[in-house]
Amino acid sequence: MPVLDPAFAASRVTPLILTLSCMDQPGIVHAVSGAIAASGGNIIQSQQFGDTDTGLFFMRVETDLPGDETAFRQDMAVLAERFGMTWQLDRQGRPLRTVIMVSKEGHCLSDLLYRQRSRALPLDIAAVVGNHPDLAPLAEFYGVPFVHLPVTPETKAQAEAALLDLIEREGVELVVLARYMQILSDQLCRQMSGRIINIHHSFLPSFKGARPYAQAYARGVKLMGATAHYVTADLDEGPIIEQDVTRITHADSVAAMVQQGQDVERRVLAQAVTWHAEHRVLLNGHRTVVFR
């Protein structure tokens, strides 16, 4: 069995994650690999995808890059100009500064806070924001500040202004809607494009409105699930990150369906947030590329 060289192990640094997208053309992988090699870096993992429908190319690279990364960033800026790239570079595992927004249902919030506390989710949660005060004790239990921003037709603009102030003041990079039952304005959606993740039950649009699980029970559904997606101005129609389903039988009551539905919502939202925080999700128009 090969033995790890202690000197090599000691010299290892926290890997960088490079993500990029541009029009597909010859030489992209060669150029990026060359820039990494020129900076003394080593490619740990590389994934790429060329979309034949849109002509776009997507890439995610994990690299050990010793020393100062300034020269590599300069090389990437040159490549970005050459290939028309959109690109991002970040440290692997760096917790994203995050705000979680909630209403009254706490199952998704509880799951996210537990995963973050157990270091299974690379988030730095700046605050939990609720339009109701019900989940303040849960946030307090995990030592996370709770901000109560009531929303009514008369106060909606002021509430969003306060939210944007919090986002700017705390350097928030990601907003997670953990069963937040308010519609965000078009302006906020545009300003935070690609940085707001929502979860909803996948009954939509079949069972809109109040008591969707009761509606599904009355119709005798056999499958139900959840969808996590980026938020856009089009309600519940943003680019999808993750989905999952669970089977329902005739013996399941409405209460049992609610419990199973909440389990799926927890799982799907946590997976979507994890992939986003690990820089595995790239926007491809109305769709996403997810490097798993």
C-alpha atoms as a PDB file:
ATOM      1  CA  MET A   1       0.000   0.000   0.000  1.00  0.00           C
ATOM      2  CA  PRO A   2       1.404   3.450  -0.902  1.00  0.00           C
ATOM      3  CA  VAL A   3       2.559   5.510   2.088  1.00  0.00           C
ATOM      4  CA  LEU A   4       1.709   9.227   2.217  1.00  0.00           C
ATOM      5  CA  ASP A   5       4.845  11.352   2.306  1.00  0.00           C
ATOM      6  CA  PRO A   6       4.697  13.412   5.581  1.00  0.00           C
ATOM      7  CA  ALA A   7       6.349  16.368   3.835  1.00  0.00           C
ATOM      8  CA  PHE A   8       3.686  16.296   1.121  1.00  0.00           C
ATOM      9  CA  ALA A   9       0.897  16.064   3.693  1.00  0.00           C
ATOM     10  CA  ALA A  10       2.298  19.003   5.647  1.00  0.00           C
ATOM     11  CA  SER A  11       2.560  21.109   2.507  1.00  0.00           C
ATOM     12  CA  ARG A  12      -1.081  20.641   1.502  1.00  0.00           C
ATOM     13  CA  VAL A  13      -3.319  23.695   1.631  1.00  0.00           C
ATOM     14  CA  THR A  14      -7.084  24.079   1.656  1.00  0.00           C
ATOM     15  CA  PRO A  15      -8.132  23.456  -1.951  1.00  0.00           C
ATOM     16  CA  LEU A  16      -9.691  26.136  -4.109  1.00  0.00           C
ATOM     17  CA  ILE A  17     -12.892  25.652  -6.070  1.00  0.00           C
ATOM     18  CA  LEU A  18     -12.944  27.192  -9.534  1.00  0.00           C
ATOM     19  CA  THR A  19     -16.249  27.329 -11.418  1.00  0.00           C
ATOM     20  CA  LEU A  20     -16.770  28.820 -14.844  1.00  0.00           C
ATOM     21  CA  SER A  21     -19.087  28.987 -17.810  1.00  0.00           C
ATOM     22  CA  CYS A  22     -18.748  30.327 -21.345  1.00  0.00           C
ATOM     23  CA  MET A  23     -19.557  29.459 -24.926  1.00  0.00           C
ATOM     24  CA  ASP A  24     -18.118  26.050 -25.764  1.00  0.00           C
ATOM     25  CA  GLN A  25     -14.961  26.261 -27.890  1.00  0.00           C
ATOM     26  CA  PRO A  26     -11.664  24.423 -28.297  1.00  0.00           C
ATOM     27  CA  GLY A  27      -8.895  24.968 -25.761  1.00  0.00           C
ATOM     28  CA  ILE A  28     -10.811  25.848 -22.586  1.00  0.00           C
ATOM     29  CA  VAL A  29      -9.744  22.853 -20.488  1.00  0.00           C
ATOM     30  CA  HIS A  30      -6.164  23.091 -21.769  1.00  0.00           C
ATOM     31  CA  ALA A  31      -5.973  26.792 -20.938  1.00  0.00           C
ATOM     32  CA  VAL A  32      -7.402  26.410 -17.432  1.00  0.00           C
ATOM     33  CA  SER A  33      -5.166  23.422 -16.675  1.00  0.00           C
ATOM     34  CA  GLY A  34      -2.185  25.402 -17.925  1.00  0.00           C
ATOM     35  CA  ALA A  35      -2.999  28.332 -15.672  1.00  0.00           C
ATOM     36  CA  ILE A  36      -3.223  26.026 -12.665  1.00  0.00           C
ATOM     37  CA  ALA A  37       0.074  24.335 -13.547  1.00  0.00           C
ATOM     38  CA  ALA A  38       1.771  27.694 -14.087  1.00  0.00           C
ATOM     39  CA  SER A  39       0.827  28.669 -10.523  1.00  0.00           C
ATOM     40  CA  GLY A  40       2.225  25.425  -9.129  1.00  0.00           C
ATOM     41  CA  GLY A  41      -1.219  23.975  -8.529  1.00  0.00           C
ATOM     42  CA  ASN A  42      -2.418  20.398  -8.706  1.00  0.00           C
ATOM     43  CA  ILE A  43      -5.846  19.404 -10.023  1.00  0.00           C
ATOM     44  CA  ILE A  44      -7.617  17.230  -7.451  1.00  0.00           C
ATOM     45  CA  GLN A  45     -10.909  16.872  -9.285  1.00  0.00           C
ATOM     46  CA  SER A  46     -12.306  18.268 -12.516  1.00  0.00           C
ATOM     47  CA  GLN A  47     -15.800  18.077 -13.976  1.00  0.00           C
ATOM     48  CA  GLN A  48     -17.096  19.643 -17.163  1.00  0.00           C
ATOM     49  CA  PHE A  49     -20.232  19.664 -19.282  1.00  0.00           C
ATOM     50  CA  GLY A  50     -20.975  21.004 -22.722  1.00  0.00           C
ATOM     51  CA  ASP A  51     -24.650  21.741 -23.387  1.00  0.00           C
ATOM     52  CA  THR A  52     -25.339  20.982 -27.041  1.00  0.00           C
ATOM     53  CA  ASP A  53     -28.688  22.806 -26.854  1.00  0.00           C
ATOM     54  CA  THR A  54     -27.330  26.159 -25.666  1.00  0.00           C
ATOM     55  CA  GLY A  55     -23.718  25.823 -26.807  1.00  0.00           C
ATOM     56  CA  LEU A  56     -22.523  26.654 -23.297  1.00  0.00           C
ATOM     57  CA  PHE A  57     -19.621  24.997 -21.474  1.00  0.00           C
ATOM     58  CA  PHE A  58     -19.485  24.543 -17.691  1.00  0.00           C
ATOM     59  CA  MET A  59     -16.566  23.504 -15.505  1.00  0.00           C
ATOM     60  CA  ARG A  60     -15.791  22.918 -11.825  1.00  0.00           C
ATOM     61  CA  VAL A  61     -12.222  22.296 -10.671  1.00  0.00           C
ATOM     62  CA  GLU A  62     -10.811  21.528  -7.223  1.00  0.00           C
ATOM     63  CA  THR A  63      -7.146  22.467  -7.023  1.00  0.00           C
ATOM     64  CA  ASP A  64      -4.343  22.641  -4.481  1.00  0.00           C
ATOM     65  CA  LEU A  65      -2.787  26.038  -5.145  1.00  0.00           C
ATOM     66  CA  PRO A  66       0.179  26.798  -2.879  1.00  0.00           C
ATOM     67  CA  GLY A  67       1.069  30.317  -1.853  1.00  0.00           C
ATOM     68  CA  ASP A  68      -0.550  33.523  -3.015  1.00  0.00           C
ATOM     69  CA  GLU A  69      -3.420  33.032  -5.466  1.00  0.00           C
ATOM     70  CA  THR A  70      -3.085  36.546  -6.923  1.00  0.00           C
ATOM     71  CA  ALA A  71      -1.127  35.413  -9.983  1.00  0.00           C
ATOM     72  CA  PHE A  72      -3.661  32.691 -10.711  1.00  0.00           C
ATOM     73  CA  ARG A  73      -6.522  35.160 -10.457  1.00  0.00           C
ATOM     74  CA  GLN A  74      -4.722  37.418 -12.899  1.00  0.00           C
ATOM     75  CA  ASP A  75      -4.255  34.522 -15.321  1.00  0.00           C
ATOM     76  CA  MET A  76      -7.943  33.629 -14.996  1.00  0.00           C
ATOM     77  CA  ALA A  77      -8.911  37.232 -15.724  1.00  0.00           C
ATOM     78  CA  VAL A  78      -6.944  36.991 -18.975  1.00  0.00           C
ATOM     79  CA  LEU A  79      -8.660  33.693 -19.856  1.00  0.00           C
ATOM     80  CA  ALA A  80     -12.043  35.178 -19.007  1.00  0.00           C
ATOM     81  CA  GLU A  81     -11.415  37.950 -21.511  1.00  0.00           C
ATOM     82  CA  ARG A  82     -10.205  35.471 -24.125  1.00  0.00           C
ATOM     83  CA  PHE A  83     -13.085  33.009 -23.796  1.00  0.00           C
ATOM     84  CA  GLY A  84     -15.848  35.301 -22.552  1.00  0.00           C
ATOM     85  CA  MET A  85     -16.011  33.446 -19.240  1.00  0.00           C
ATOM     86  CA  THR A  86     -18.035  34.005 -16.122  1.00  0.00           C
ATOM     87  CA  TRP A  87     -15.951  32.542 -13.303  1.00  0.00           C
ATOM     88  CA  GLN A  88     -15.651  32.298  -9.528  1.00  0.00           C
ATOM     89  CA  LEU A  89     -12.872  31.176  -7.191  1.00  0.00           C
ATOM     90  CA  ASP A  90     -13.372  30.286  -3.535  1.00  0.00           C
ATOM     91  CA  ARG A  91     -11.844  28.239  -0.739  1.00  0.00           C
ATOM     92  CA  GLN A  92     -13.249  24.740  -0.337  1.00  0.00           C
ATOM     93  CA  GLY A  93     -15.433  24.486   2.747  1.00  0.00           C
ATOM     94  CA  ARG A  94     -15.584  28.235   3.434  1.00  0.00           C
ATOM     95  CA  PRO A  95     -18.934  28.756   5.205  1.00  0.00           C
ATOM     96  CA  LEU A  96     -21.288  30.974   3.217  1.00  0.00           C
ATOM     97  CA  ARG A  97     -22.741  33.907   5.126  1.00  0.00           C
ATOM     98  CA  THR A  98     -26.440  33.018   5.173  1.00  0.00           C
ATOM     99  CA  VAL A  99     -29.864  34.259   6.264  1.00  0.00           C
ATOM    100  CA  ILE A 100     -32.669  31.728   6.727  1.00  0.00           C
ATOM    101  CA  MET A 101     -36.228  33.035   6.338  1.00  0.00           C
ATOM    102  CA  VAL A 102     -39.180  31.317   8.004  1.00  0.00           C
ATOM    103  CA  SER A 103     -42.849  31.682   8.880  1.00  0.00           C
ATOM    104  CA  LYS A 104     -44.411  29.194  11.318  1.00  0.00           C
ATOM    105  CA  GLU A 105     -43.320  25.717  10.152  1.00  0.00           C
ATOM    106  CA  GLY A 106     -40.019  24.765  11.754  1.00  0.00           C
ATOM    107  CA  HIS A 107     -39.076  21.410  10.227  1.00  0.00           C
ATOM    108  CA  CYS A 108     -36.730  22.804   7.558  1.00  0.00           C
ATOM    109  CA  LEU A 109     -35.196  25.384   9.890  1.00  0.00           C
ATOM    110  CA  SER A 110     -34.538  22.793  12.575  1.00  0.00           C
ATOM    111  CA  ASP A 111     -32.835  20.505  10.075  1.00  0.00           C
ATOM    112  CA  LEU A 112     -30.623  23.255   8.627  1.00  0.00           C
ATOM    113  CA  LEU A 113     -29.574  24.534  12.058  1.00  0.00           C
ATOM    114  CA  TYR A 114     -28.722  21.006  13.215  1.00  0.00           C
ATOM    115  CA  ARG A 115     -26.694  20.266  10.079  1.00  0.00           C
ATOM    116  CA  GLN A 116     -24.840  23.560  10.412  1.00  0.00           C
ATOM    117  CA  ARG A 117     -24.128  22.953  14.101  1.00  0.00           C
ATOM    118  CA  SER A 118     -22.796  19.448  13.329  1.00  0.00           C
ATOM    119  CA  ARG A 119     -20.616  20.887  10.528  1.00  0.00           C
ATOM    120  CA  ALA A 120     -22.426  18.900   7.857  1.00  0.00           C
ATOM    121  CA  LEU A 121     -23.484  22.120   6.140  1.00  0.00           C
ATOM    122  CA  PRO A 122     -20.891  24.817   5.280  1.00  0.00           C
ATOM    123  CA  LEU A 123     -22.936  27.827   6.358  1.00  0.00           C
ATOM    124  CA  ASP A 124     -22.268  30.802   8.605  1.00  0.00           C
ATOM    125  CA  ILE A 125     -25.817  31.724   9.627  1.00  0.00           C
ATOM    126  CA  ALA A 126     -26.026  35.461  10.297  1.00  0.00           C
ATOM    127  CA  ALA A 127     -29.683  35.415  11.339  1.00  0.00           C
ATOM    128  CA  VAL A 128     -33.032  33.708  11.116  1.00  0.00           C
ATOM    129  CA  VAL A 129     -35.643  36.141   9.804  1.00  0.00           C
ATOM    130  CA  GLY A 130     -39.309  35.393  10.455  1.00  0.00           C
ATOM    131  CA  ASN A 131     -42.500  37.184   9.523  1.00  0.00           C
ATOM    132  CA  HIS A 132     -43.963  35.533  12.651  1.00  0.00           C
ATOM    133  CA  PRO A 133     -42.203  35.171  16.045  1.00  0.00           C
ATOM    134  CA  ASP A 134     -43.086  31.482  16.474  1.00  0.00           C
ATOM    135  CA  LEU A 135     -39.621  30.066  15.652  1.00  0.00           C
ATOM    136  CA  ALA A 136     -37.591  32.523  17.728  1.00  0.00           C
ATOM    137  CA  PRO A 137     -37.054  29.937  20.533  1.00  0.00           C
ATOM    138  CA  LEU A 138     -35.651  27.434  18.018  1.00  0.00           C
ATOM    139  CA  ALA A 139     -33.142  29.963  16.695  1.00  0.00           C
ATOM    140  CA  GLU A 140     -32.239  30.942  20.253  1.00  0.00           C
ATOM    141  CA  PHE A 141     -31.610  27.275  21.132  1.00  0.00           C
ATOM    142  CA  TYR A 142     -28.947  27.143  18.408  1.00  0.00           C
ATOM    143  CA  GLY A 143     -27.516  30.527  19.357  1.00  0.00           C
ATOM    144  CA  VAL A 144     -28.570  32.247  16.128  1.00  0.00           C
ATOM    145  CA  PRO A 145     -30.041  35.781  16.199  1.00  0.00           C
ATOM    146  CA  PHE A 146     -33.748  35.926  15.329  1.00  0.00           C
ATOM    147  CA  VAL A 147     -35.100  38.987  13.517  1.00  0.00           C
ATOM    148  CA  HIS A 148     -38.863  39.479  13.483  1.00  0.00           C
ATOM    149  CA  LEU A 149     -39.994  41.316  10.347  1.00  0.00           C
ATOM    150  CA  PRO A 150     -43.824  41.295  10.203  1.00  0.00           C
ATOM    151  CA  VAL A 151     -45.215  41.503   6.673  1.00  0.00           C
ATOM    152  CA  THR A 152     -48.564  43.025   5.784  1.00  0.00           C
ATOM    153  CA  PRO A 153     -49.647  44.702   2.552  1.00  0.00           C
ATOM    154  CA  GLU A 154     -48.929  48.021   4.248  1.00  0.00           C
ATOM    155  CA  THR A 155     -45.494  47.056   5.652  1.00  0.00           C
ATOM    156  CA  LYS A 156     -44.134  44.797   2.882  1.00  0.00           C
ATOM    157  CA  ALA A 157     -41.902  47.492   1.357  1.00  0.00           C
ATOM    158  CA  GLN A 158     -40.459  48.464   4.737  1.00  0.00           C
ATOM    159  CA  ALA A 159     -39.881  44.807   5.665  1.00  0.00           C
ATOM    160  CA  GLU A 160     -37.958  44.145   2.456  1.00  0.00           C
ATOM    161  CA  ALA A 161     -35.935  47.324   2.930  1.00  0.00           C
ATOM    162  CA  ALA A 162     -34.983  46.098   6.415  1.00  0.00           C
ATOM    163  CA  LEU A 163     -34.093  42.678   4.969  1.00  0.00           C
ATOM    164  CA  LEU A 164     -31.862  44.216   2.300  1.00  0.00           C
ATOM    165  CA  ASP A 165     -30.192  46.348   4.966  1.00  0.00           C
ATOM    166  CA  LEU A 166     -29.509  43.192   7.000  1.00  0.00           C
ATOM    167  CA  ILE A 167     -28.123  41.414   3.930  1.00  0.00           C
ATOM    168  CA  GLU A 168     -25.748  44.282   3.162  1.00  0.00           C
ATOM    169  CA  ARG A 169     -24.754  44.895   6.773  1.00  0.00           C
ATOM    170  CA  GLU A 170     -23.973  41.241   7.478  1.00  0.00           C
ATOM    171  CA  GLY A 171     -22.343  40.473   4.118  1.00  0.00           C
ATOM    172  CA  VAL A 172     -24.961  37.833   3.339  1.00  0.00           C
ATOM    173  CA  GLU A 173     -24.194  35.642   0.316  1.00  0.00           C
ATOM    174  CA  LEU A 174     -27.186  33.277   0.440  1.00  0.00           C
ATOM    175  CA  VAL A 175     -30.828  33.508   1.510  1.00  0.00           C
ATOM    176  CA  VAL A 176     -32.702  30.271   2.222  1.00  0.00           C
ATOM    177  CA  LEU A 177     -36.494  30.298   2.301  1.00  0.00           C
ATOM    178  CA  ALA A 178     -37.211  27.487   4.766  1.00  0.00           C
ATOM    179  CA  ARG A 179     -41.001  27.386   4.307  1.00  0.00           C
ATOM    180  CA  TYR A 180     -41.228  31.182   4.246  1.00  0.00           C
ATOM    181  CA  MET A 181     -44.809  31.885   3.250  1.00  0.00           C
ATOM    182  CA  GLN A 182     -44.415  35.309   1.677  1.00  0.00           C
ATOM    183  CA  ILE A 183     -43.797  36.294  -1.936  1.00  0.00           C
ATOM    184  CA  LEU A 184     -40.630  38.307  -2.472  1.00  0.00           C
ATOM    185  CA  SER A 185     -40.740  41.375  -4.695  1.00  0.00           C
ATOM    186  CA  ASP A 186     -39.376  41.329  -8.248  1.00  0.00           C
ATOM    187  CA  GLN A 187     -36.724  43.849  -7.214  1.00  0.00           C
ATOM    188  CA  LEU A 188     -35.421  41.639  -4.402  1.00  0.00           C
ATOM    189  CA  CYS A 189     -35.433  38.571  -6.666  1.00  0.00           C
ATOM    190  CA  ARG A 190     -33.406  40.396  -9.307  1.00  0.00           C
ATOM    191  CA  GLN A 191     -30.980  41.850  -6.780  1.00  0.00           C
ATOM    192  CA  MET A 192     -30.309  38.421  -5.240  1.00  0.00           C
ATOM    193  CA  SER A 193     -30.519  36.415  -8.473  1.00  0.00           C
ATOM    194  CA  GLY A 194     -28.956  32.979  -8.042  1.00  0.00           C
ATOM    195  CA  ARG A 195     -28.570  33.536  -4.293  1.00  0.00           C
ATOM    196  CA  ILE A 196     -32.049  32.701  -2.936  1.00  0.00           C
ATOM    197  CA  ILE A 197     -33.105  29.062  -2.571  1.00  0.00           C
ATOM    198  CA  ASN A 198     -36.715  28.061  -1.910  1.00  0.00           C
ATOM    199  CA  ILE A 199     -38.407  24.756  -1.056  1.00  0.00           C
ATOM    200  CA  HIS A 200     -41.969  23.813  -1.902  1.00  0.00           C
ATOM    201  CA  HIS A 201     -44.047  20.666  -2.102  1.00  0.00           C
ATOM    202  CA  SER A 202     -44.185  19.347  -5.646  1.00  0.00           C
ATOM    203  CA  PHE A 203     -47.989  19.285  -5.710  1.00  0.00           C
ATOM    204  CA  LEU A 204     -47.741  22.691  -7.343  1.00  0.00           C
ATOM    205  CA  PRO A 205     -49.440  23.693  -9.545  1.00  0.00           C
ATOM    206  CA  SER A 206     -52.000  20.904  -9.044  1.00  0.00           C
ATOM    207  CA  PHE A 207     -52.834  21.749  -5.436  1.00  0.00           C
ATOM    208  CA  LYS A 208     -52.374  25.457  -4.894  1.00  0.00           C
ATOM    209  CA  GLY A 209     -53.845  27.389  -2.005  1.00  0.00           C
ATOM    210  CA  ALA A 210     -54.766  26.258   1.487  1.00  0.00           C
ATOM    211  CA  ARG A 211     -54.306  22.725   2.861  1.00  0.00           C
ATOM    212  CA  PRO A 212     -52.507  21.139  -0.123  1.00  0.00           C
ATOM    213  CA  TYR A 213     -52.026  17.829   1.688  1.00  0.00           C
ATOM    214  CA  ALA A 214     -55.758  17.569   2.345  1.00  0.00           C
ATOM    215  CA  GLN A 215     -56.359  18.272  -1.333  1.00  0.00           C
ATOM    216  CA  ALA A 216     -53.858  15.583  -2.299  1.00  0.00           C
ATOM    217  CA  TYR A 217     -55.457  13.109   0.131  1.00  0.00           C
ATOM    218  CA  ALA A 218     -58.879  13.793  -1.348  1.00  0.00           C
ATOM    219  CA  ARG A 219     -57.502  13.066  -4.823  1.00  0.00           C
ATOM    220  CA  GLY A 220     -55.778   9.856  -3.724  1.00  0.00           C
ATOM    221  CA  VAL A 221     -52.272  10.781  -4.875  1.00  0.00           C
ATOM    222  CA  LYS A 222     -49.689   7.989  -4.960  1.00  0.00           C
ATOM    223  CA  LEU A 223     -46.545  10.086  -5.195  1.00  0.00           C
ATOM    224  CA  MET A 224     -45.606  13.319  -3.502  1.00  0.00           C
ATOM    225  CA  GLY A 225     -42.366  15.151  -3.073  1.00  0.00           C
ATOM    226  CA  ALA A 226     -40.537  18.451  -2.921  1.00  0.00           C
ATOM    227  CA  THR A 227     -38.605  20.800  -5.183  1.00  0.00           C
ATOM    228  CA  ALA A 228     -35.733  23.119  -4.243  1.00  0.00           C
ATOM    229  CA  HIS A 229     -35.079  25.904  -6.714  1.00  0.00           C
ATOM    230  CA  TYR A 230     -33.595  29.343  -7.115  1.00  0.00           C
ATOM    231  CA  VAL A 231     -36.099  32.141  -6.622  1.00  0.00           C
ATOM    232  CA  THR A 232     -37.077  34.327  -9.558  1.00  0.00           C
ATOM    233  CA  ALA A 233     -39.847  36.843 -10.145  1.00  0.00           C
ATOM    234  CA  ASP A 234     -41.935  33.979 -11.593  1.00  0.00           C
ATOM    235  CA  LEU A 235     -43.468  32.306  -8.542  1.00  0.00           C
ATOM    236  CA  ASP A 236     -42.084  28.786  -7.947  1.00  0.00           C
ATOM    237  CA  GLU A 237     -40.688  28.621 -11.483  1.00  0.00           C
ATOM    238  CA  GLY A 238     -36.993  29.321 -10.870  1.00  0.00           C
ATOM    239  CA  PRO A 239     -34.166  26.998 -11.968  1.00  0.00           C
ATOM    240  CA  ILE A 240     -34.512  23.651 -10.180  1.00  0.00           C
ATOM    241  CA  ILE A 241     -31.600  22.407  -8.067  1.00  0.00           C
ATOM    242  CA  GLU A 242     -32.969  19.197  -6.525  1.00  0.00           C
ATOM    243  CA  GLN A 243     -36.172  17.148  -6.319  1.00  0.00           C
ATOM    244  CA  ASP A 244     -37.255  13.955  -4.584  1.00  0.00           C
ATOM    245  CA  VAL A 245     -40.444  11.960  -4.043  1.00  0.00           C
ATOM    246  CA  THR A 246     -41.960   9.457  -1.637  1.00  0.00           C
ATOM    247  CA  ARG A 247     -44.749   6.952  -2.237  1.00  0.00           C
ATOM    248  CA  ILE A 248     -48.196   7.245  -0.674  1.00  0.00           C
ATOM    249  CA  THR A 249     -50.684   4.446  -0.111  1.00  0.00           C
ATOM    250  CA  HIS A 250     -54.410   4.359   0.544  1.00  0.00           C
ATOM    251  CA  ALA A 251     -53.671   3.753   4.227  1.00  0.00           C
ATOM    252  CA  ASP A 252     -51.843   7.062   4.743  1.00  0.00           C
ATOM    253  CA  SER A 253     -53.831   9.700   6.596  1.00  0.00           C
ATOM    254  CA  VAL A 254     -53.480  13.428   5.998  1.00  0.00           C
ATOM    255  CA  ALA A 255     -51.288  13.628   9.112  1.00  0.00           C
ATOM    256  CA  ALA A 256     -49.040  10.838   7.811  1.00  0.00           C
ATOM    257  CA  MET A 257     -48.783  12.582   4.449  1.00  0.00           C
ATOM    258  CA  VAL A 258     -47.789  15.842   6.126  1.00  0.00           C
ATOM    259  CA  GLN A 259     -45.046  14.056   8.073  1.00  0.00           C
ATOM    260  CA  GLN A 260     -43.702  12.305   4.980  1.00  0.00           C
ATOM    261  CA  GLY A 261     -43.914  15.510   2.980  1.00  0.00           C
ATOM    262  CA  GLN A 262     -41.946  17.417   5.606  1.00  0.00           C
ATOM    263  CA  ASP A 263     -39.276  14.696   5.618  1.00  0.00           C
ATOM    264  CA  VAL A 264     -38.842  15.073   1.861  1.00  0.00           C
ATOM    265  CA  GLU A 265     -38.764  18.875   2.117  1.00  0.00           C
ATOM    266  CA  ARG A 266     -36.017  18.733   4.766  1.00  0.00           C
ATOM    267  CA  ARG A 267     -33.918  16.354   2.719  1.00  0.00           C
ATOM    268  CA  VAL A 268     -34.288  18.159  -0.588  1.00  0.00           C
ATOM    269  CA  LEU A 269     -33.634  21.636   0.824  1.00  0.00           C
ATOM    270  CA  ALA A 270     -30.552  20.506   2.742  1.00  0.00           C
ATOM    271  CA  GLN A 271     -29.143  18.832  -0.365  1.00  0.00           C
ATOM    272  CA  ALA A 272     -29.753  21.888  -2.541  1.00  0.00           C
ATOM    273  CA  VAL A 273     -28.169  24.239  -0.003  1.00  0.00           C
ATOM    274  CA  THR A 274     -25.183  21.902   0.394  1.00  0.00           C
ATOM    275  CA  TRP A 275     -24.566  21.730  -3.346  1.00  0.00           C
ATOM    276  CA  HIS A 276     -24.864  25.514  -3.637  1.00  0.00           C
ATOM    277  CA  ALA A 277     -22.453  26.086  -0.734  1.00  0.00           C
ATOM    278  CA  GLU A 278     -19.978  23.658  -2.300  1.00  0.00           C
ATOM    279  CA  HIS A 279     -20.160  25.587  -5.591  1.00  0.00           C
ATOM    280  CA  ARG A 280     -21.595  22.615  -7.449  1.00  0.00           C
ATOM    281  CA  VAL A 281     -24.535  24.449  -9.037  1.00  0.00           C
ATOM    282  CA  LEU A 282     -24.149  26.606 -12.136  1.00  0.00           C
ATOM    283  CA  LEU A 283     -27.019  28.452 -13.779  1.00  0.00           C
ATOM    284  CA  ASN A 284     -27.827  27.436 -17.340  1.00  0.00           C
ATOM    285  CA  GLY A 285     -30.629  29.792 -18.350  1.00  0.00           C
ATOM    286  CA  HIS A 286     -33.835  28.440 -16.792  1.00  0.00           C
ATOM    287  CA  ARG A 287     -32.039  25.228 -15.789  1.00  0.00           C
ATOM    288  CA  THR A 288     -29.054  24.286 -13.659  1.00  0.00           C
ATOM    289  CA  VAL A 289     -25.927  22.222 -14.088  1.00  0.00           C
ATOM    290  CA  VAL A 290     -25.195  20.317 -10.869  1.00  0.00           C
ATOM    291  CA  PHE A 291     -21.749  18.725 -10.556  1.00  0.00           C
ATOM    292  CA  ARG A 292     -22.380  16.017  -7.960  1.00  0.00           C
END
